[in-house]
Amino acid sequence: MEPEAAKLIGAGLAAIALAGAGVGIGHIFGNYLAGALRNPSAAPAQFPNLLLGFALAEATGLFGLVISLILLFVV
């Protein structure tokens, strides 16, 4: 395999994390909303967990983007 082709394949695989982060964020907010509708009194206690989950899912996507850009333009 040529090095240029391997670089593009690696960048594409790293960019998959962007799609996974979007799906993860949707699941996080959907599950929080479902739980808040079932037990509204517990929703404020779970809000910090919601923000932590959102931050971790978003960071995963951003790390994937950075890695794919590094593979495309630096290596």
Protein backbone atom coordinates (compact mmCIF):
# COMPACT_ATOMS: atom_id res chain seq x y z
CA MET A 1 0.00 0.00 0.00
CA GLU A 2 1.24 3.46 -0.82
CA PRO A 3 1.94 5.78 2.11
CA GLU A 4 -0.46 8.44 0.80
CA ALA A 5 -3.32 5.92 0.65
CA ALA A 6 -2.56 4.70 4.17
CA LYS A 7 -2.57 8.29 5.42
CA LEU A 8 -6.00 8.97 3.90
CA ILE A 9 -7.45 5.73 5.24
CA GLY A 10 -6.14 6.51 8.73
CA ALA A 11 -7.58 10.03 8.63
CA GLY A 12 -10.95 8.64 7.56
CA LEU A 13 -10.95 6.09 10.37
CA ALA A 14 -10.07 8.78 12.91
CA ALA A 15 -12.92 10.95 11.62
CA ILE A 16 -15.41 8.20 12.51
CA ALA A 17 -15.13 9.48 16.09
CA LEU A 18 -16.98 12.63 14.98
CA ALA A 19 -20.06 10.64 14.01
CA GLY A 20 -19.83 8.54 17.15
CA ALA A 21 -19.73 11.65 19.31
CA GLY A 22 -22.91 12.98 17.72
CA VAL A 23 -24.73 9.73 18.33
CA GLY A 24 -23.43 9.58 21.90
CA ILE A 25 -24.58 13.11 22.65
CA GLY A 26 -28.06 12.29 21.37
CA HIS A 27 -28.26 9.24 23.61
CA ILE A 28 -27.05 11.19 26.63
CA PHE A 29 -29.65 13.93 26.28
CA GLY A 30 -32.41 11.49 25.32
CA ASN A 31 -31.83 9.31 28.35
CA TYR A 32 -31.65 12.34 30.63
CA LEU A 33 -34.93 13.65 29.25
CA ALA A 34 -36.63 10.26 29.64
CA GLY A 35 -35.41 10.00 33.22
CA ALA A 36 -36.44 13.56 34.04
CA LEU A 37 -39.94 12.93 32.71
CA ARG A 38 -40.29 9.79 34.82
CA ASN A 39 -38.91 11.33 38.02
CA PRO A 40 -38.80 15.15 37.85
CA SER A 41 -37.58 15.50 41.44
CA ALA A 42 -34.36 13.59 40.64
CA ALA A 43 -33.56 15.58 37.49
CA PRO A 44 -31.58 18.40 39.19
CA ALA A 45 -29.34 15.87 40.92
CA GLN A 46 -28.54 14.20 37.58
CA PHE A 47 -27.81 17.43 35.69
CA PRO A 48 -24.06 17.47 36.56
CA ASN A 49 -23.79 13.93 35.21
CA LEU A 50 -25.48 15.12 32.02
CA LEU A 51 -22.90 17.87 31.57
CA LEU A 52 -20.00 15.52 32.27
CA GLY A 53 -21.29 13.00 29.74
CA PHE A 54 -21.77 15.73 27.15
CA ALA A 55 -18.24 17.04 27.71
CA LEU A 56 -16.68 13.59 27.40
CA ALA A 57 -18.64 12.77 24.24
CA GLU A 58 -17.74 16.10 22.68
CA ALA A 59 -14.07 15.69 23.61
CA THR A 60 -14.01 12.29 21.91
CA GLY A 61 -15.21 13.86 18.68
CA LEU A 62 -12.75 16.73 18.91
CA PHE A 63 -9.84 14.37 19.57
CA GLY A 64 -10.83 12.35 16.50
CA LEU A 65 -10.95 15.53 14.43
CA VAL A 66 -7.51 16.63 15.63
CA ILE A 67 -5.99 13.23 14.91
CA SER A 68 -7.48 13.12 11.41
CA LEU A 69 -6.23 16.64 10.64
CA ILE A 70 -2.77 15.76 11.94
CA LEU A 71 -2.72 12.69 9.70
CA LEU A 72 -3.82 14.71 6.69
CA PHE A 73 -1.61 17.76 6.98
CA VAL A 74 1.38 16.95 9.20
CA VAL A 75 2.40 13.35 8.61
